[in-house]
N, C-alpha and C. Protein backbone atom coordinates (compact mmCIF):
# COMPACT_ATOMS: atom_id res chain seq x y z
N MET A 1 108.29 156.10 102.94
CA MET A 1 109.51 156.22 104.29
C MET A 1 110.38 157.53 103.42
N ALA A 2 110.51 158.25 104.79
CA ALA A 2 111.31 159.57 104.30
C ALA A 2 112.92 158.79 104.26
N ALA A 3 113.53 159.79 103.30
CA ALA A 3 114.78 159.50 102.91
C ALA A 3 115.69 160.89 102.75
N VAL A 4 116.86 160.95 103.18
CA VAL A 4 117.56 162.09 103.16
C VAL A 4 118.83 162.00 102.33
N PRO A 5 119.08 162.90 101.51
CA PRO A 5 120.18 162.67 100.66
C PRO A 5 121.44 163.45 101.14
N PRO A 6 122.74 162.73 100.41
CA PRO A 6 124.17 163.26 101.12
C PRO A 6 123.96 164.90 101.10
N LEU A 7 124.91 165.50 101.58
CA LEU A 7 125.28 166.90 101.40
C LEU A 7 125.98 167.33 100.15
N CYS A 8 126.25 168.34 99.83
CA CYS A 8 126.67 169.09 98.61
C CYS A 8 128.15 168.37 98.62
N ASP A 9 128.53 167.86 97.36
CA ASP A 9 129.72 167.81 96.79
C ASP A 9 130.24 168.78 96.00
N PHE A 10 130.92 169.63 96.61
CA PHE A 10 131.08 170.88 95.78
C PHE A 10 132.03 170.91 94.75
N GLY A 11 131.35 171.17 93.56
CA GLY A 11 132.10 171.25 92.05
C GLY A 11 132.11 170.00 91.39
N TRP A 12 130.95 169.18 91.72
CA TRP A 12 130.52 168.00 91.05
C TRP A 12 129.74 168.43 89.75
N LYS A 13 130.23 168.01 88.75
CA LYS A 13 129.63 168.51 87.20
C LYS A 13 128.31 167.69 87.16
N ALA A 14 127.35 168.67 86.73
CA ALA A 14 126.06 168.31 86.37
C ALA A 14 126.10 167.53 84.94
N PRO A 15 125.52 166.01 85.05
CA PRO A 15 125.32 165.45 84.00
C PRO A 15 124.36 165.89 82.75
N ASP A 16 124.68 165.82 81.82
CA ASP A 16 123.77 166.35 80.71
C ASP A 16 122.58 165.46 80.59
N PHE A 17 121.41 165.85 80.19
CA PHE A 17 120.04 165.06 79.90
C PHE A 17 119.30 165.34 78.56
N SER A 18 118.43 164.57 78.28
CA SER A 18 117.41 164.86 76.95
C SER A 18 116.20 164.21 77.60
N LEU A 19 115.17 164.99 78.22
CA LEU A 19 113.93 164.23 78.61
C LEU A 19 112.95 164.95 78.17
N PRO A 20 111.87 164.26 78.04
CA PRO A 20 110.42 164.91 77.47
C PRO A 20 109.73 165.60 78.58
N GLY A 21 109.00 167.00 78.31
CA GLY A 21 108.49 167.69 79.14
C GLY A 21 107.26 167.93 78.96
N VAL A 22 106.29 168.22 80.06
CA VAL A 22 104.91 168.16 80.22
C VAL A 22 104.33 169.31 79.13
N ASP A 23 105.28 170.15 78.73
CA ASP A 23 105.08 171.10 77.33
C ASP A 23 105.34 170.52 75.77
N GLY A 24 105.41 169.24 75.93
CA GLY A 24 105.30 168.39 74.62
C GLY A 24 106.68 168.56 73.97
N ARG A 25 107.79 169.26 74.55
CA ARG A 25 109.12 169.33 73.95
C ARG A 25 110.08 168.80 74.67
N THR A 26 111.14 168.23 74.02
CA THR A 26 112.25 167.47 74.63
C THR A 26 113.29 168.52 75.32
N HIS A 27 113.94 168.44 76.33
CA HIS A 27 114.63 169.53 76.94
C HIS A 27 115.84 168.81 77.38
N SER A 28 117.14 169.57 77.16
CA SER A 28 118.27 169.07 77.71
C SER A 28 118.89 170.12 78.58
N LEU A 29 119.61 169.65 79.60
CA LEU A 29 120.28 170.49 80.43
C LEU A 29 120.93 171.74 79.76
N GLN A 30 121.60 171.64 78.83
CA GLN A 30 122.44 172.60 77.93
C GLN A 30 121.30 173.52 77.58
N SER A 31 119.92 173.19 77.05
CA SER A 31 119.33 174.28 76.62
C SER A 31 118.45 174.88 77.64
N LEU A 32 118.71 174.41 79.00
CA LEU A 32 117.71 174.99 79.95
C LEU A 32 118.70 175.67 80.76
N ARG A 33 119.98 175.73 80.77
CA ARG A 33 120.53 176.23 81.94
C ARG A 33 120.75 177.81 81.97
N GLY A 34 120.86 178.27 83.15
CA GLY A 34 120.77 179.84 83.24
C GLY A 34 121.99 180.21 83.29
N GLY A 35 122.14 181.46 83.07
CA GLY A 35 123.34 182.28 82.70
C GLY A 35 124.25 182.49 84.14
N LYS A 36 123.65 182.50 85.45
CA LYS A 36 124.27 182.40 86.53
C LYS A 36 124.36 181.17 87.31
N GLY A 37 123.31 180.20 86.91
CA GLY A 37 123.18 178.81 87.52
C GLY A 37 122.14 178.09 87.22
N THR A 38 121.86 176.97 87.66
CA THR A 38 120.81 176.05 87.34
C THR A 38 120.37 175.45 88.46
N LEU A 39 119.14 175.12 88.84
CA LEU A 39 118.75 174.33 89.91
C LEU A 39 117.89 173.29 89.16
N VAL A 40 118.21 172.13 89.53
CA VAL A 40 117.65 170.69 89.01
C VAL A 40 116.77 170.36 90.22
N ALA A 41 115.88 170.04 90.27
CA ALA A 41 114.82 169.63 91.48
C ALA A 41 114.26 168.35 91.12
N PHE A 42 114.36 167.37 91.67
CA PHE A 42 113.87 166.12 91.49
C PHE A 42 112.57 166.06 92.63
N ILE A 43 111.56 166.16 91.71
CA ILE A 43 109.99 166.15 92.68
C ILE A 43 109.09 164.91 92.05
N CYS A 44 107.74 164.75 92.61
CA CYS A 44 107.06 163.87 91.92
C CYS A 44 105.76 164.66 92.39
N ASN A 45 104.41 164.03 91.78
CA ASN A 45 103.18 164.65 92.28
C ASN A 45 102.45 164.30 93.37
N HIS A 46 102.72 163.02 94.00
CA HIS A 46 102.18 162.49 94.99
C HIS A 46 102.80 162.75 96.66
N CYS A 47 103.88 163.15 96.63
CA CYS A 47 104.51 163.03 97.65
C CYS A 47 104.32 164.15 98.58
N PRO A 48 104.14 163.78 99.85
CA PRO A 48 103.47 165.05 100.82
C PRO A 48 104.66 165.87 101.10
N TYR A 49 105.80 165.65 100.99
CA TYR A 49 106.75 166.56 101.40
C TYR A 49 106.80 167.72 100.10
N VAL A 50 106.79 166.76 98.85
CA VAL A 50 106.59 168.05 97.47
C VAL A 50 105.37 168.75 97.70
N ILE A 51 104.27 168.13 98.02
CA ILE A 51 102.78 168.97 97.91
C ILE A 51 102.86 169.89 99.13
N SER A 52 103.84 169.70 100.20
CA SER A 52 103.85 170.90 101.31
C SER A 52 104.60 172.16 100.69
N VAL A 53 105.76 171.77 99.96
CA VAL A 53 106.68 172.86 99.49
C VAL A 53 106.30 173.43 98.11
N ILE A 54 105.41 172.66 97.12
CA ILE A 54 105.52 173.00 95.81
C ILE A 54 105.12 174.61 95.52
N GLY A 55 104.27 175.27 96.38
CA GLY A 55 103.99 176.63 96.31
C GLY A 55 105.27 177.47 96.49
N ARG A 56 106.04 177.11 97.39
CA ARG A 56 107.00 177.85 97.51
C ARG A 56 108.31 177.40 96.73
N LEU A 57 108.30 176.49 96.15
CA LEU A 57 109.25 175.95 95.30
C LEU A 57 109.05 176.92 93.82
N VAL A 58 107.79 177.19 93.53
CA VAL A 58 107.17 178.00 92.40
C VAL A 58 107.77 179.47 92.73
N ARG A 59 107.40 179.81 93.73
CA ARG A 59 107.71 181.15 94.16
C ARG A 59 109.37 181.44 93.94
N ASP A 60 110.24 180.46 94.53
CA ASP A 60 111.61 180.54 94.63
C ASP A 60 112.02 180.60 93.14
N ALA A 61 111.50 179.45 92.27
CA ALA A 61 111.88 179.69 91.01
C ALA A 61 111.71 180.72 90.06
N ASN A 62 110.57 181.40 90.45
CA ASN A 62 110.39 182.58 89.73
C ASN A 62 111.40 183.66 90.28
N ASP A 63 111.63 183.78 91.63
CA ASP A 63 112.60 184.66 92.02
C ASP A 63 114.06 184.58 91.84
N LEU A 64 114.24 183.09 91.72
CA LEU A 64 115.52 182.91 91.00
C LEU A 64 115.78 183.27 89.58
N ALA A 65 114.78 183.09 88.58
CA ALA A 65 114.97 183.35 87.52
C ALA A 65 115.44 184.95 87.03
N LYS A 66 114.88 185.57 87.98
CA LYS A 66 115.23 187.18 87.96
C LYS A 66 116.48 187.29 88.46
N LEU A 67 117.36 186.69 89.08
CA LEU A 67 118.84 186.56 89.07
C LEU A 67 119.55 185.88 88.15
N GLY A 68 118.91 185.22 87.29
CA GLY A 68 119.71 184.65 86.22
C GLY A 68 119.88 183.05 86.70
N ILE A 69 119.21 182.52 87.60
CA ILE A 69 119.19 181.16 87.74
C ILE A 69 117.95 180.59 87.16
N ALA A 70 118.47 179.29 86.51
CA ALA A 70 117.07 178.62 85.61
C ALA A 70 116.89 177.45 86.56
N THR A 71 115.62 177.14 86.38
CA THR A 71 114.79 175.93 87.31
C THR A 71 114.40 174.89 86.32
N VAL A 72 114.69 173.72 86.57
CA VAL A 72 114.04 172.47 85.86
C VAL A 72 113.65 171.48 86.91
N ALA A 73 112.53 170.83 86.80
CA ALA A 73 111.82 169.92 87.60
C ALA A 73 111.89 168.74 87.02
N ILE A 74 112.22 167.35 87.70
CA ILE A 74 112.25 166.16 86.93
C ILE A 74 111.75 165.05 87.96
N SER A 75 110.20 164.42 87.33
CA SER A 75 109.97 163.30 88.03
C SER A 75 110.66 161.94 87.51
N SER A 76 111.12 161.14 88.41
CA SER A 76 111.84 159.97 88.06
C SER A 76 110.93 158.71 88.74
N ASN A 77 110.15 159.08 89.32
CA ASN A 77 109.01 157.82 90.23
C ASN A 77 108.76 156.90 89.06
N ASP A 78 108.49 155.75 89.23
CA ASP A 78 108.03 154.78 88.63
C ASP A 78 106.60 154.68 88.83
N ALA A 79 105.85 155.12 87.49
CA ALA A 79 104.22 155.33 87.71
C ALA A 79 103.68 153.96 87.64
N ALA A 80 104.24 152.98 87.24
CA ALA A 80 103.65 151.71 87.31
C ALA A 80 103.42 151.19 89.28
N TYR A 81 104.26 151.75 89.73
CA TYR A 81 104.27 151.56 91.31
C TYR A 81 103.49 152.76 91.76
N GLU A 82 103.38 153.94 91.41
CA GLU A 82 102.97 155.13 91.78
C GLU A 82 102.20 155.85 90.72
N PRO A 83 100.93 155.29 90.46
CA PRO A 83 100.26 155.92 89.13
C PRO A 83 100.03 157.42 89.28
N ASP A 84 100.01 157.98 90.48
CA ASP A 84 99.90 159.56 90.47
C ASP A 84 100.73 160.24 89.95
N ASP A 85 101.99 159.46 89.78
CA ASP A 85 103.29 160.03 89.31
C ASP A 85 103.38 160.04 87.65
N SER A 86 102.08 159.52 87.10
CA SER A 86 102.17 159.17 85.70
C SER A 86 102.38 160.63 84.75
N PHE A 87 103.14 160.36 83.52
CA PHE A 87 103.11 161.70 82.57
C PHE A 87 101.85 162.47 82.60
N ASP A 88 100.64 162.02 82.22
CA ASP A 88 99.67 162.70 82.26
C ASP A 88 99.21 163.59 83.59
N ASN A 89 99.38 163.01 84.65
CA ASN A 89 99.11 163.67 85.98
C ASN A 89 100.47 164.38 86.23
N MET A 90 101.36 164.46 85.80
CA MET A 90 102.45 165.61 85.93
C MET A 90 101.98 166.58 85.14
N LYS A 91 101.38 166.70 83.74
CA LYS A 91 100.76 167.87 83.30
C LYS A 91 99.82 168.55 83.97
N ALA A 92 98.97 167.76 84.65
CA ALA A 92 97.95 168.42 85.42
C ALA A 92 98.42 169.01 86.65
N PHE A 93 99.50 168.63 87.45
CA PHE A 93 100.16 168.96 88.70
C PHE A 93 100.76 170.23 88.04
N ALA A 94 101.58 170.31 87.05
CA ALA A 94 102.38 171.47 86.64
C ALA A 94 101.20 172.48 86.47
N ALA A 95 100.19 172.40 85.80
CA ALA A 95 99.17 173.41 85.38
C ALA A 95 98.49 174.08 86.70
N ARG A 96 98.10 172.88 87.62
CA ARG A 96 97.63 173.22 88.94
C ARG A 96 98.31 174.29 89.69
N HIS A 97 99.88 173.93 89.68
CA HIS A 97 100.66 174.94 90.71
C HIS A 97 101.21 175.82 89.98
N GLY A 98 100.98 176.25 88.64
CA GLY A 98 101.48 177.26 87.93
C GLY A 98 103.06 177.26 87.57
N PHE A 99 103.65 176.13 87.22
CA PHE A 99 104.82 175.93 86.92
C PHE A 99 105.23 176.83 85.90
N THR A 100 106.57 177.69 86.00
CA THR A 100 106.85 178.52 85.10
C THR A 100 108.19 178.30 84.55
N PHE A 101 108.45 177.04 84.88
CA PHE A 101 109.82 176.12 84.31
C PHE A 101 109.48 174.94 83.80
N PRO A 102 110.31 174.12 83.15
CA PRO A 102 109.97 172.84 82.60
C PRO A 102 109.85 171.72 83.65
N TYR A 103 108.85 170.77 83.40
CA TYR A 103 108.81 169.45 84.35
C TYR A 103 108.94 168.53 83.35
N LEU A 104 110.10 167.53 83.68
CA LEU A 104 110.49 166.46 82.71
C LEU A 104 110.30 165.19 83.57
N TYR A 105 109.93 164.51 82.38
CA TYR A 105 109.84 162.72 83.07
C TYR A 105 111.14 161.68 82.69
N ASP A 106 111.54 161.51 83.32
CA ASP A 106 112.81 160.66 83.31
C ASP A 106 112.32 159.29 83.72
N GLU A 107 111.52 158.61 82.60
CA GLU A 107 110.93 157.53 82.78
C GLU A 107 111.89 156.10 82.97
N SER A 108 113.04 156.18 82.35
CA SER A 108 114.10 155.29 82.40
C SER A 108 114.93 155.31 83.78
N GLN A 109 114.81 156.42 84.50
CA GLN A 109 115.28 156.59 85.71
C GLN A 109 116.75 156.85 85.74
N ASP A 110 117.31 156.98 84.27
CA ASP A 110 118.88 157.05 84.10
C ASP A 110 119.40 158.37 84.70
N VAL A 111 118.71 159.22 84.61
CA VAL A 111 118.94 160.82 84.98
C VAL A 111 119.12 160.96 86.54
N ALA A 112 117.89 160.25 87.43
CA ALA A 112 118.02 160.16 88.78
C ALA A 112 119.13 159.33 89.05
N ARG A 113 119.79 158.23 88.41
CA ARG A 113 120.89 157.64 88.97
C ARG A 113 121.99 158.36 88.60
N ALA A 114 122.03 159.09 87.53
CA ALA A 114 123.24 159.86 87.03
C ALA A 114 123.71 160.82 88.44
N TYR A 115 122.50 161.36 88.82
CA TYR A 115 122.56 162.46 89.76
C TYR A 115 122.66 162.15 91.29
N GLY A 116 122.24 160.76 91.51
CA GLY A 116 122.30 160.25 92.63
C GLY A 116 121.24 160.72 93.58
N ALA A 117 120.06 161.21 92.79
CA ALA A 117 119.01 161.59 93.38
C ALA A 117 118.49 160.49 94.39
N VAL A 118 118.07 160.94 95.64
CA VAL A 118 117.52 159.89 96.69
C VAL A 118 115.94 159.92 97.04
N CYS A 119 115.65 161.22 97.05
CA CYS A 119 114.29 161.44 97.61
C CYS A 119 113.55 162.60 96.80
N THR A 120 112.23 162.95 97.04
CA THR A 120 111.55 163.81 96.24
C THR A 120 111.03 164.71 97.54
N PRO A 121 111.52 166.07 97.74
CA PRO A 121 112.17 166.92 96.86
C PRO A 121 113.68 166.60 97.35
N ASP A 122 114.68 166.50 96.06
CA ASP A 122 115.95 166.52 96.22
C ASP A 122 116.67 167.68 95.29
N PHE A 123 117.05 168.81 95.97
CA PHE A 123 117.56 169.96 95.10
C PHE A 123 119.03 169.80 94.71
N PHE A 124 119.43 170.20 93.54
CA PHE A 124 120.64 170.25 92.82
C PHE A 124 120.94 171.78 92.47
N GLY A 125 121.65 172.61 93.02
CA GLY A 125 121.88 173.75 92.79
C GLY A 125 123.42 173.99 92.19
N PHE A 126 123.48 174.39 90.91
CA PHE A 126 124.75 174.49 90.28
C PHE A 126 124.99 176.05 89.88
N ASN A 127 126.30 176.32 89.81
CA ASN A 127 126.76 177.50 89.38
C ASN A 127 126.63 177.87 87.73
N ALA A 128 127.07 178.97 87.16
CA ALA A 128 127.17 178.92 85.87
C ALA A 128 127.96 177.70 84.93
N GLY A 129 128.95 177.33 85.71
CA GLY A 129 129.92 176.33 85.16
C GLY A 129 129.11 174.91 85.31
N LEU A 130 128.02 174.77 85.84
CA LEU A 130 127.32 173.48 86.05
C LEU A 130 127.91 172.74 87.25
N GLU A 131 128.72 173.43 88.01
CA GLU A 131 129.43 172.68 89.26
C GLU A 131 128.48 173.15 90.29
N LEU A 132 128.17 171.76 91.04
CA LEU A 132 127.40 171.42 92.48
C LEU A 132 127.85 172.55 93.32
N GLN A 133 126.83 173.37 93.64
CA GLN A 133 127.11 174.23 95.06
C GLN A 133 126.25 174.22 96.18
N TYR A 134 125.07 173.44 95.71
CA TYR A 134 124.04 173.45 96.99
C TYR A 134 123.11 171.95 96.64
N ARG A 135 123.24 171.33 97.76
CA ARG A 135 122.37 170.21 98.01
C ARG A 135 121.55 170.18 99.18
N GLY A 136 120.59 170.96 99.40
CA GLY A 136 119.87 171.25 100.48
C GLY A 136 118.50 171.34 100.56
N ARG A 137 117.97 171.79 101.55
CA ARG A 137 116.26 172.12 101.79
C ARG A 137 116.13 173.01 101.02
N LEU A 138 114.76 173.31 100.91
CA LEU A 138 113.82 174.42 100.37
C LEU A 138 114.06 175.34 101.70
N ASP A 139 113.46 174.91 102.86
CA ASP A 139 113.33 175.65 104.09
C ASP A 139 113.16 174.55 105.05
N ALA A 140 112.86 175.15 106.27
CA ALA A 140 112.73 174.29 107.39
C ALA A 140 111.41 173.60 107.62
N SER A 141 110.56 173.81 106.61
CA SER A 141 109.25 173.36 106.85
C SER A 141 109.02 171.81 106.68
N ARG A 142 109.70 171.21 105.85
CA ARG A 142 109.52 169.65 105.59
C ARG A 142 108.05 169.41 105.16
N LYS A 143 107.40 168.54 105.85
CA LYS A 143 106.04 168.50 105.40
C LYS A 143 104.94 169.61 106.14
N ASP A 144 105.43 170.13 107.34
CA ASP A 144 104.68 171.28 108.02
C ASP A 144 105.11 172.38 107.98
N LEU A 145 104.25 173.08 107.53
CA LEU A 145 104.77 174.56 107.05
C LEU A 145 105.43 175.52 108.56
N VAL A 146 106.42 176.17 108.18
CA VAL A 146 107.21 176.57 109.39
C VAL A 146 106.84 178.27 108.98
N PRO A 147 106.09 178.78 109.91
CA PRO A 147 105.77 180.31 109.40
C PRO A 147 107.24 181.35 109.45
N ASP A 148 107.41 182.07 108.49
CA ASP A 148 108.56 182.77 108.26
C ASP A 148 109.88 182.00 108.39
N ALA A 149 109.72 180.87 107.85
CA ALA A 149 110.84 180.26 107.70
C ALA A 149 112.30 180.60 106.82
N ARG A 150 113.33 180.58 107.02
CA ARG A 150 114.26 181.24 106.00
C ARG A 150 114.30 180.28 105.03
N ARG A 151 114.53 181.04 103.75
CA ARG A 151 114.43 180.59 102.53
C ARG A 151 115.69 180.04 102.21
N ASP A 152 116.21 178.71 102.59
CA ASP A 152 117.34 178.10 102.42
C ASP A 152 117.96 178.02 101.01
N LEU A 153 116.97 177.51 100.17
CA LEU A 153 117.57 177.34 98.77
C LEU A 153 117.53 178.67 97.91
N TYR A 154 116.62 179.53 98.22
CA TYR A 154 116.80 180.78 97.60
C TYR A 154 117.88 181.35 98.00
N GLU A 155 118.30 181.58 99.29
CA GLU A 155 119.33 182.44 99.71
C GLU A 155 121.04 181.33 99.19
N ALA A 156 120.82 180.39 98.99
CA ALA A 156 122.04 179.64 98.83
C ALA A 156 121.89 180.00 97.41
N LEU A 157 121.27 180.14 96.55
CA LEU A 157 121.31 180.25 95.08
C LEU A 157 121.39 181.51 94.77
N ARG A 158 120.85 182.67 95.58
CA ARG A 158 121.23 184.02 95.44
C ARG A 158 122.55 184.16 95.82
N GLN A 159 123.31 183.60 96.50
CA GLN A 159 124.85 183.76 96.81
C GLN A 159 125.37 182.92 95.65
N VAL A 160 125.25 181.82 95.22
CA VAL A 160 125.65 181.50 93.78
C VAL A 160 125.48 182.07 92.64
N ALA A 161 124.30 182.81 92.38
CA ALA A 161 124.48 183.92 91.35
C ALA A 161 125.46 185.09 91.61
N GLU A 162 125.53 185.36 92.77
CA GLU A 162 126.23 186.67 93.02
C GLU A 162 127.97 186.29 92.98
N THR A 163 128.19 184.99 93.41
CA THR A 163 129.69 184.62 93.68
C THR A 163 130.48 183.45 93.15
N GLY A 164 129.21 182.58 92.53
CA GLY A 164 129.47 181.48 91.71
C GLY A 164 129.92 180.30 92.83
N ARG A 165 129.83 180.66 94.37
CA ARG A 165 129.80 179.50 95.24
C ARG A 165 128.92 179.56 96.20
N GLY A 166 128.38 178.41 96.63
CA GLY A 166 127.30 177.93 97.53
C GLY A 166 127.80 178.07 98.93
N PRO A 167 127.00 178.30 99.87
CA PRO A 167 127.25 178.38 101.33
C PRO A 167 128.03 177.16 101.98
N ALA A 168 128.82 177.06 102.74
CA ALA A 168 129.73 175.88 103.40
C ALA A 168 128.63 175.08 104.40
N GLU A 169 127.76 175.74 104.98
CA GLU A 169 126.92 175.32 105.92
C GLU A 169 125.36 175.15 105.23
N GLN A 170 125.25 173.50 105.05
CA GLN A 170 123.83 173.35 104.28
C GLN A 170 123.19 172.43 105.14
N ILE A 171 122.00 172.31 105.14
CA ILE A 171 120.84 171.09 105.75
C ILE A 171 120.35 170.62 104.84
N ALA A 172 120.55 169.18 104.89
CA ALA A 172 119.88 168.16 103.75
C ALA A 172 118.46 168.24 103.68
N SER A 173 117.96 168.07 102.47
CA SER A 173 116.47 167.97 102.21
C SER A 173 116.09 166.70 102.75
N MET A 174 114.96 166.67 102.83
CA MET A 174 114.07 165.37 103.36
C MET A 174 112.85 165.24 102.47
N GLY A 175 112.55 163.89 102.13
CA GLY A 175 111.31 163.50 101.38
C GLY A 175 111.35 162.05 101.24
N CYS A 176 110.32 161.73 100.42
CA CYS A 176 109.68 160.38 100.00
C CYS A 176 110.84 159.74 99.12
N SER A 177 111.21 158.56 99.48
CA SER A 177 112.34 157.97 98.57
C SER A 177 111.95 158.01 97.07
N ILE A 178 112.82 157.90 96.08
CA ILE A 178 112.48 157.65 94.64
C ILE A 178 111.75 156.32 94.66
N LYS A 179 110.79 156.02 93.67
CA LYS A 179 110.27 154.83 93.53
C LYS A 179 111.05 154.28 92.42
N TRP A 180 111.67 153.37 92.59
CA TRP A 180 112.72 152.86 91.60
C TRP A 180 111.55 151.78 91.01
N LYS A 181 112.11 151.55 89.86
CA LYS A 181 111.71 150.31 89.00
C LYS A 181 111.85 149.09 89.66
N GLY A 182 111.10 148.10 89.82
CA GLY A 182 111.48 146.94 90.22
C GLY A 182 111.50 146.57 91.83
N GLN A 183 111.15 147.62 92.47
CA GLN A 183 111.07 147.85 93.92
C GLN A 183 110.17 146.95 94.61
């Protein structure tokens, strides 16, 4: 079922975390943050919305890194409910799509709850002070590619890198609801 997160709560502070990555290391937000900002993307392996945008997300993460914006992806789905989202499958997914950023597993789902994540993908764009400045979509494509769609997430975070502030006008992301334990 499709879910839509709320729009940006400007200035909301990013909660720290410490999670295992598919690279075999444990990562914290503090260790991953970028000099100009940080993108925290809640994704998973099986969601058709994520599968549709994953190549463009990797492209945007690479382009944002050049601007001083770090990217981290987190999967919080219950792998017992959705086996395609297991940690081993996360490793394969990251390798298959050429992730150049950490992909972390939130098995307890505590990080997703702390962030108020709703769906996959759900994007949280923070400035250098880890204050929320963007909570919108990657682009207009959703599940079906829109040729030459404006790069909403990239443009918003480029603005954050330059000014510390995100755009006032934002369009919410849409995706599959997070698969919560006991659901």
